[in-house]
Amino acid sequence: MEDWVIEDEDMPLERKSLLPGKGFFIPDSIHEERKDREIREEAEGADVLVVADPDADGMACAAIVREVYGDAALVPAGPHELEDGLRRAAEFGADGATVFVCDLCPDEFRYVEDELAYLVEHAGDVHWYDHHQWTEDVEAAVREAGVDLVIGDSEEECTADVAVRSVDADLPRYLKELAAVTRDHDLWLKEDPRSDDLADYSYWVDTDEYMETIQEHGADLPEDVMEFLEERRVEKNDLIDRAVARASLREVNGWTVGVTYGRCSQNEVAEALREQGADAAVIVKPSGSASIRGTEDFQRAHEVARQVNGGGHPKAAGCKPDIYEDMLDYANHWTSQGATAKQVILDGFRNLDPEEEPEES
């Protein structure tokens, strides 16, 4: 296949909004080999490692750990890469290393059981900081594995807040402020405009660049970064508008659910659907994953996500339905704008008892 087929730099935005990015088409085997090599170069023999979701919250945690411990090696691991992150920390870190796992939550303990046991066996101490909704059995199993687990209130704290109060150190003011600004975005409080800047910047640049910037500047990003963000937001806002325009409102089990498809920033799309009257929003991505966002009238997003291979918070969750057997299924996903994924996620809303109280963590 020619490179130009999957390059999207010059692709018309309507087509770009309907298709996944170039990285989607790189086979997992090649992607994992490259990631192993890159992380090994940074983490091999490290005495302190941070396994973290490479978003603004996870990276703020890594900055806090580095402030306390010095050159902590970063092992980026998204929610669906948690077991790989644990394995890499065990394989590449020094025997007896101190390991922090941040802003990540296993949907089921069996997914990480072997890798976590491997990590605990090789590490000296394993600390786990998070603020997602944990099931009681997963929480108990992780603690029993020998992990120092601290779970914050997902309605009050981001994981960086948990790290601030959990590390045994008097942190500088700028890092405490960084945690507070990160919380503003992660909990969708929308009280500090800097929080959107951090979220966008962490998404658009690699982890090394983001870490270097926040460790030097904290939440107050420099002028050249702000100019970069303004340029990138032209396209971002266009993709948001396209996703909102193709959305529909469905009445499901007594709730109004806004449903759409596209490559876009899900929080802004969900906010626009809320303004149109949605109690919850489902944003299905071209990659096959989906974001589920709630409101004050629907705080069970994590319950829906758990039914379709995911999890998260009462008002913010993610999932990737297990419906893709081969490339033909993905082709149908793109050409139908996620019809099957939308259906199975809406079934998750239908399966909820509207009279039941939302689950507690």
Protein backbone atom coordinates (compact mmCIF):
# COMPACT_ATOMS: atom_id res chain seq x y z
CA MET A 1 0.00 0.00 0.00
CA GLU A 2 1.33 3.42 -0.96
CA ASP A 3 2.09 5.80 1.92
CA TRP A 4 -0.12 8.51 0.44
CA VAL A 5 -3.20 6.32 0.94
CA ILE A 6 -2.98 6.67 4.73
CA GLU A 7 -1.34 10.09 4.95
CA ASP A 8 -3.90 12.64 6.11
CA GLU A 9 -1.94 15.90 6.19
CA ASP A 10 -3.46 17.14 2.92
CA MET A 11 -6.72 15.18 3.11
CA PRO A 12 -9.98 17.19 2.90
CA LEU A 13 -11.28 17.68 6.41
CA GLU A 14 -14.62 15.95 5.79
CA ARG A 15 -12.83 12.76 4.73
CA LYS A 16 -10.27 13.19 7.50
CA SER A 17 -13.04 13.40 10.08
CA LEU A 18 -14.43 10.03 8.93
CA LEU A 19 -11.19 8.01 8.90
CA PRO A 20 -8.64 7.05 11.58
CA GLY A 21 -5.17 8.56 11.64
CA LYS A 22 -2.09 7.06 10.02
CA GLY A 23 -1.04 5.24 13.18
CA PHE A 24 -4.15 3.06 13.05
CA PHE A 25 -2.85 1.31 9.95
CA ILE A 26 0.47 0.31 11.50
CA PRO A 27 0.18 -3.33 12.69
CA ASP A 28 0.31 -3.80 16.45
CA SER A 29 3.35 -6.07 16.15
CA ILE A 30 5.37 -3.29 14.49
CA HIS A 31 3.99 -0.63 16.82
CA GLU A 32 4.82 -2.67 19.93
CA GLU A 33 8.32 -3.47 18.65
CA ARG A 34 9.02 0.23 18.10
CA LYS A 35 7.55 1.17 21.47
CA ASP A 36 9.57 -1.51 23.26
CA ARG A 37 12.74 -0.20 21.65
CA GLU A 38 11.99 3.44 22.47
CA ILE A 39 11.00 2.78 26.08
CA ARG A 40 13.93 0.43 26.65
CA GLU A 41 16.33 3.21 25.60
CA GLU A 42 14.90 5.51 28.29
CA ALA A 43 13.96 3.05 31.03
CA GLU A 44 16.61 0.32 30.99
CA GLY A 45 18.20 0.06 34.43
CA ALA A 46 16.14 2.92 35.87
CA ASP A 47 15.69 2.98 39.64
CA VAL A 48 12.41 4.94 39.44
CA LEU A 49 9.76 4.49 36.73
CA VAL A 50 6.34 6.00 36.08
CA VAL A 51 3.78 4.00 34.11
CA ALA A 52 1.19 6.62 33.16
CA ASP A 53 -1.55 7.47 30.72
CA PRO A 54 0.15 9.97 28.37
CA ASP A 55 -2.53 12.64 28.78
CA ALA A 56 -2.25 15.85 30.81
CA ASP A 57 -3.24 14.15 34.06
CA GLY A 58 -0.83 11.24 33.71
CA MET A 59 2.01 13.51 32.66
CA ALA A 60 1.40 15.85 35.59
CA CYS A 61 1.81 12.83 37.87
CA ALA A 62 5.10 12.00 36.15
CA ALA A 63 6.31 15.59 36.67
CA ILE A 64 5.48 15.33 40.38
CA VAL A 65 7.37 12.04 40.73
CA ARG A 66 10.38 13.50 38.91
CA GLU A 67 10.40 16.49 41.25
CA VAL A 68 10.68 14.12 44.22
CA TYR A 69 12.88 11.36 42.80
CA GLY A 70 14.88 13.02 40.04
CA ASP A 71 15.27 11.25 36.71
CA ALA A 72 12.27 8.93 36.80
CA ALA A 73 11.86 7.02 33.53
CA LEU A 74 8.50 7.44 31.84
CA VAL A 75 6.63 4.42 30.47
CA PRO A 76 3.59 5.77 28.54
CA ALA A 77 0.63 3.39 28.57
CA GLY A 78 -2.92 4.21 27.46
CA PRO A 79 -5.91 2.51 29.09
CA HIS A 80 -5.77 -0.40 26.62
CA GLU A 81 -1.99 -0.74 27.05
CA LEU A 82 -1.87 -1.06 30.82
CA GLU A 83 -0.60 -4.63 30.88
CA ASP A 84 2.14 -3.73 28.41
CA GLY A 85 3.18 -0.79 30.57
CA LEU A 86 3.46 -2.99 33.65
CA ARG A 87 5.48 -5.54 31.69
CA ARG A 88 7.87 -2.93 30.34
CA ALA A 89 8.47 -1.45 33.78
CA ALA A 90 9.33 -4.92 35.09
CA GLU A 91 11.54 -5.87 32.12
CA PHE A 92 13.42 -2.62 31.66
CA GLY A 93 13.66 -1.20 35.18
CA ALA A 94 16.37 -2.12 37.64
CA ASP A 95 15.70 -4.91 40.12
CA GLY A 96 14.29 -3.33 43.24
CA ALA A 97 13.14 -0.21 41.39
CA THR A 98 10.41 2.07 42.73
CA VAL A 99 7.48 2.10 40.29
CA PHE A 100 4.50 4.47 40.13
CA VAL A 101 1.39 3.59 38.10
CA CYS A 102 -0.70 6.69 37.44
CA ASP A 103 -4.09 7.56 35.95
CA LEU A 104 -4.87 3.99 34.88
CA CYS A 105 -7.54 1.54 36.02
CA PRO A 106 -7.94 -2.15 35.03
CA ASP A 107 -11.43 -3.02 33.82
CA GLU A 108 -10.87 -6.54 35.20
CA PHE A 109 -8.01 -7.86 37.31
CA ARG A 110 -7.44 -10.83 35.01
CA TYR A 111 -6.26 -8.45 32.30
CA VAL A 112 -3.26 -7.38 34.39
CA GLU A 113 -2.82 -10.23 36.87
CA ASP A 114 0.28 -11.82 35.33
CA GLU A 115 2.03 -8.58 34.42
CA LEU A 116 1.38 -7.05 37.85
CA ALA A 117 2.73 -10.12 39.62
CA TYR A 118 5.83 -9.92 37.39
CA LEU A 119 6.27 -6.24 38.26
CA VAL A 120 5.81 -6.73 42.02
CA GLU A 121 8.33 -9.58 41.93
CA HIS A 122 11.02 -7.41 40.31
CA ALA A 123 10.29 -4.01 41.86
CA GLY A 124 11.09 -2.85 45.35
CA ASP A 125 7.90 -0.81 45.78
CA VAL A 126 4.87 -0.31 43.53
CA HIS A 127 2.65 2.73 44.17
CA TRP A 128 -0.57 3.15 42.19
CA TYR A 129 -2.41 6.50 42.05
CA ASP A 130 -5.72 6.90 40.26
CA HIS A 131 -9.12 8.58 40.36
CA HIS A 132 -11.27 6.39 38.12
CA GLN A 133 -14.18 4.24 39.27
CA TRP A 134 -12.75 0.95 40.55
CA THR A 135 -14.82 -2.14 41.26
CA GLU A 136 -14.38 -3.53 44.76
CA ASP A 137 -12.97 -6.86 43.54
CA VAL A 138 -10.34 -5.22 41.29
CA GLU A 139 -9.31 -2.82 44.06
CA ALA A 140 -8.95 -5.66 46.56
CA ALA A 141 -6.99 -7.84 44.13
CA VAL A 142 -4.49 -5.06 43.31
CA ARG A 143 -3.90 -4.37 47.00
CA GLU A 144 -3.49 -8.09 47.71
CA ALA A 145 -0.86 -8.26 44.96
CA GLY A 146 1.36 -6.06 47.12
CA VAL A 147 0.62 -2.62 45.69
CA ASP A 148 0.26 0.66 47.60
CA LEU A 149 -2.99 1.77 45.93
CA VAL A 150 -4.52 5.23 46.46
CA ILE A 151 -7.81 5.99 44.70
CA GLY A 152 -9.16 9.53 44.73
CA ASP A 153 -12.77 10.66 44.55
CA SER A 154 -13.45 10.89 40.82
CA GLU A 155 -15.87 13.77 41.39
CA GLU A 156 -13.36 15.83 43.37
CA GLU A 157 -9.82 14.91 42.29
CA CYS A 158 -7.75 14.16 39.23
CA THR A 159 -4.88 11.71 39.59
CA ALA A 160 -2.36 14.55 39.86
CA ASP A 161 -4.22 15.66 43.00
CA VAL A 162 -3.84 12.14 44.37
CA ALA A 163 -0.11 12.25 43.63
CA VAL A 164 0.30 15.64 45.32
CA ARG A 165 -1.19 14.39 48.58
CA SER A 166 0.39 10.93 48.41
CA VAL A 167 4.07 11.54 47.69
CA ASP A 168 6.14 12.12 50.78
CA ALA A 169 7.47 15.55 49.86
CA ASP A 170 6.79 19.27 50.15
CA LEU A 171 6.17 20.07 46.50
CA PRO A 172 6.80 23.50 44.95
CA ARG A 173 3.80 25.74 44.39
CA TYR A 174 3.92 25.49 40.59
CA LEU A 175 3.39 21.72 40.68
CA LYS A 176 0.45 22.01 43.06
CA GLU A 177 -0.96 24.62 40.68
CA LEU A 178 -0.32 22.30 37.73
CA ALA A 179 -2.40 19.61 39.45
CA ALA A 180 -5.21 22.07 40.13
CA VAL A 181 -5.29 23.29 36.52
CA THR A 182 -5.18 19.70 35.24
CA ARG A 183 -8.15 18.89 37.49
CA ASP A 184 -10.08 21.76 35.90
CA HIS A 185 -9.98 19.97 32.55
CA ASP A 186 -10.11 16.38 33.75
CA LEU A 187 -13.25 17.00 35.80
CA TRP A 188 -14.60 19.38 33.12
CA LEU A 189 -14.98 22.25 35.57
CA LYS A 190 -14.12 24.87 32.90
CA GLU A 191 -13.00 27.51 35.40
CA ASP A 192 -9.39 27.96 34.26
CA PRO A 193 -8.69 28.50 30.53
CA ARG A 194 -5.17 27.12 30.98
CA SER A 195 -6.58 23.63 31.48
CA ASP A 196 -7.70 23.32 27.85
CA ASP A 197 -4.26 24.50 26.78
CA LEU A 198 -2.62 21.70 28.78
CA ALA A 199 -5.02 19.09 27.45
CA ASP A 200 -4.55 20.10 23.81
CA TYR A 201 -0.79 20.43 24.10
CA SER A 202 -0.43 16.99 25.70
CA TYR A 203 -2.48 15.49 22.87
CA TRP A 204 -0.63 17.18 20.01
CA VAL A 205 3.02 16.72 21.03
CA ASP A 206 5.04 13.73 22.17
CA THR A 207 5.47 12.97 25.85
CA ASP A 208 9.09 14.13 26.01
CA GLU A 209 8.25 17.60 24.68
CA TYR A 210 5.24 17.94 26.97
CA MET A 211 7.18 16.81 30.04
CA GLU A 212 10.05 19.16 29.31
CA THR A 213 7.65 22.09 28.96
CA ILE A 214 5.56 21.53 32.09
CA GLN A 215 8.61 20.77 34.22
CA GLU A 216 10.01 24.17 33.25
CA HIS A 217 6.85 26.28 32.99
CA GLY A 218 4.14 24.45 34.94
CA ALA A 219 0.62 25.41 33.86
CA ASP A 220 1.71 28.72 32.30
CA LEU A 221 2.73 27.65 28.81
CA PRO A 222 5.22 29.88 26.94
CA GLU A 223 4.28 32.15 24.06
CA ASP A 224 5.59 29.90 21.28
CA VAL A 225 3.49 27.00 22.59
CA MET A 226 0.39 29.21 22.71
CA GLU A 227 0.96 30.23 19.07
CA PHE A 228 1.27 26.56 18.13
CA LEU A 229 -2.02 25.78 19.91
CA GLU A 230 -3.87 28.57 18.14
CA GLU A 231 -2.77 27.26 14.77
CA ARG A 232 -3.81 23.69 15.55
CA ARG A 233 -7.19 24.74 16.94
CA VAL A 234 -8.42 25.94 13.57
CA GLU A 235 -8.61 22.34 12.39
CA LYS A 236 -9.71 21.06 15.80
CA ASN A 237 -12.74 23.35 15.84
CA ASP A 238 -13.66 22.39 12.30
CA LEU A 239 -13.65 18.68 13.22
CA ILE A 240 -15.78 19.42 16.29
CA ASP A 241 -18.33 21.27 14.16
CA ARG A 242 -18.54 18.36 11.71
CA ALA A 243 -19.13 15.82 14.48
CA VAL A 244 -21.85 17.98 16.04
CA ALA A 245 -23.52 18.50 12.67
CA ARG A 246 -23.83 14.75 12.04
CA ALA A 247 -25.14 13.97 15.54
CA SER A 248 -28.64 12.78 16.37
CA LEU A 249 -30.60 12.65 19.63
CA ARG A 250 -32.10 9.30 20.67
CA GLU A 251 -34.58 8.57 23.45
CA VAL A 252 -33.23 5.52 25.27
CA ASN A 253 -34.64 4.11 28.50
CA GLY A 254 -35.89 7.51 29.60
CA TRP A 255 -32.69 9.39 28.75
CA THR A 256 -31.92 11.63 25.77
CA VAL A 257 -28.65 10.39 24.29
CA GLY A 258 -26.71 12.36 21.69
CA VAL A 259 -24.89 10.06 19.29
CA THR A 260 -22.29 10.97 16.70
CA TYR A 261 -19.23 9.72 14.84
CA GLY A 262 -15.93 11.25 13.83
CA ARG A 263 -12.35 12.10 14.63
CA CYS A 264 -12.82 15.00 17.04
CA SER A 265 -12.29 16.34 20.54
CA GLN A 266 -14.98 14.45 22.44
CA ASN A 267 -15.45 16.79 25.40
CA GLU A 268 -16.35 19.80 23.28
CA VAL A 269 -18.69 17.70 21.14
CA ALA A 270 -20.37 16.31 24.26
CA GLU A 271 -20.81 19.83 25.64
CA ALA A 272 -22.49 20.94 22.40
CA LEU A 273 -24.87 17.96 22.55
CA ARG A 274 -25.67 18.73 26.17
CA GLU A 275 -26.65 22.24 25.09
CA GLN A 276 -29.01 20.64 22.57
CA GLY A 277 -30.74 18.72 25.37
CA ALA A 278 -28.75 15.49 25.66
CA ASP A 279 -28.51 13.82 29.07
CA ALA A 280 -25.56 11.79 27.77
CA ALA A 281 -23.36 11.74 24.68
CA VAL A 282 -21.75 8.91 22.72
CA ILE A 283 -18.91 9.86 20.38
CA VAL A 284 -17.79 6.92 18.25
CA LYS A 285 -14.32 7.30 16.77
CA PRO A 286 -13.06 6.01 13.38
CA SER A 287 -10.50 3.89 15.28
CA GLY A 288 -13.36 1.84 16.77
CA SER A 289 -13.21 3.25 20.28
CA ALA A 290 -15.86 5.51 21.77
CA SER A 291 -16.26 8.14 24.47
CA ILE A 292 -19.32 8.28 26.70
CA ARG A 293 -20.05 11.55 28.48
CA GLY A 294 -22.72 12.19 31.09
CA THR A 295 -24.30 15.21 32.77
CA GLU A 296 -25.89 15.98 36.13
CA ASP A 297 -28.90 14.04 34.83
CA PHE A 298 -26.89 10.98 33.79
CA GLN A 299 -24.01 9.82 35.96
CA ARG A 300 -23.68 6.20 34.85
CA ALA A 301 -21.30 6.47 31.90
CA HIS A 302 -18.90 3.98 33.52
CA GLU A 303 -21.72 1.43 33.87
CA VAL A 304 -22.45 1.66 30.15
CA ALA A 305 -18.75 1.46 29.26
CA ARG A 306 -18.17 -1.67 31.36
CA GLN A 307 -20.69 -3.52 29.21
CA VAL A 308 -18.67 -2.83 26.07
CA ASN A 309 -15.05 -3.46 27.04
CA GLY A 310 -14.38 -0.20 28.88
CA GLY A 311 -14.73 1.84 32.05
CA GLY A 312 -14.09 5.26 33.55
CA HIS A 313 -16.01 7.81 35.60
CA PRO A 314 -19.75 8.38 36.22
CA LYS A 315 -19.76 11.31 33.78
CA ALA A 316 -16.80 10.38 31.54
CA ALA A 317 -15.93 6.92 30.30
CA GLY A 318 -14.41 5.16 27.30
CA CYS A 319 -14.71 1.82 25.59
CA LYS A 320 -13.92 -0.14 22.44
CA PRO A 321 -16.69 -2.60 21.57
CA ASP A 322 -15.45 -6.08 20.71
CA ILE A 323 -17.09 -6.14 17.28
CA TYR A 324 -14.18 -5.92 14.84
CA GLU A 325 -13.18 -9.34 13.50
CA ASP A 326 -11.35 -8.25 10.35
CA MET A 327 -10.74 -5.31 8.05
CA LEU A 328 -14.15 -5.70 6.43
CA ASP A 329 -15.72 -4.89 9.80
CA TYR A 330 -13.62 -1.73 9.98
CA ALA A 331 -14.56 -0.85 6.40
CA ASN A 332 -18.21 -1.15 7.37
CA HIS A 333 -17.50 0.93 10.47
CA TRP A 334 -16.09 3.79 8.40
CA THR A 335 -18.68 3.73 5.63
CA SER A 336 -21.63 3.39 8.03
CA GLN A 337 -20.20 6.03 10.40
CA GLY A 338 -19.99 3.60 13.28
CA ALA A 339 -23.51 2.17 13.04
CA THR A 340 -22.77 -1.14 14.80
CA ALA A 341 -20.70 0.46 17.55
CA LYS A 342 -23.43 3.03 18.17
CA GLN A 343 -26.01 0.26 18.46
CA VAL A 344 -24.12 -1.88 21.00
CA ILE A 345 -23.35 1.17 23.15
CA LEU A 346 -26.98 2.31 23.07
CA ASP A 347 -27.89 -1.24 24.12
CA GLY A 348 -25.73 -0.58 27.17
CA PHE A 349 -28.05 2.31 28.07
CA ARG A 350 -31.07 0.07 27.50
CA ASN A 351 -29.64 -2.54 29.86
CA LEU A 352 -29.50 -0.11 32.78
CA ASP A 353 -32.37 -0.06 35.24
CA PRO A 354 -33.37 3.62 35.32
CA GLU A 355 -34.75 3.17 38.83
CA GLU A 356 -31.47 1.90 40.29
CA GLU A 357 -29.03 4.21 42.04
CA PRO A 358 -25.74 4.76 40.15
CA GLU A 359 -22.92 2.43 41.20
CA GLU A 360 -20.40 3.69 43.72
CA SER A 361 -16.67 3.14 43.36
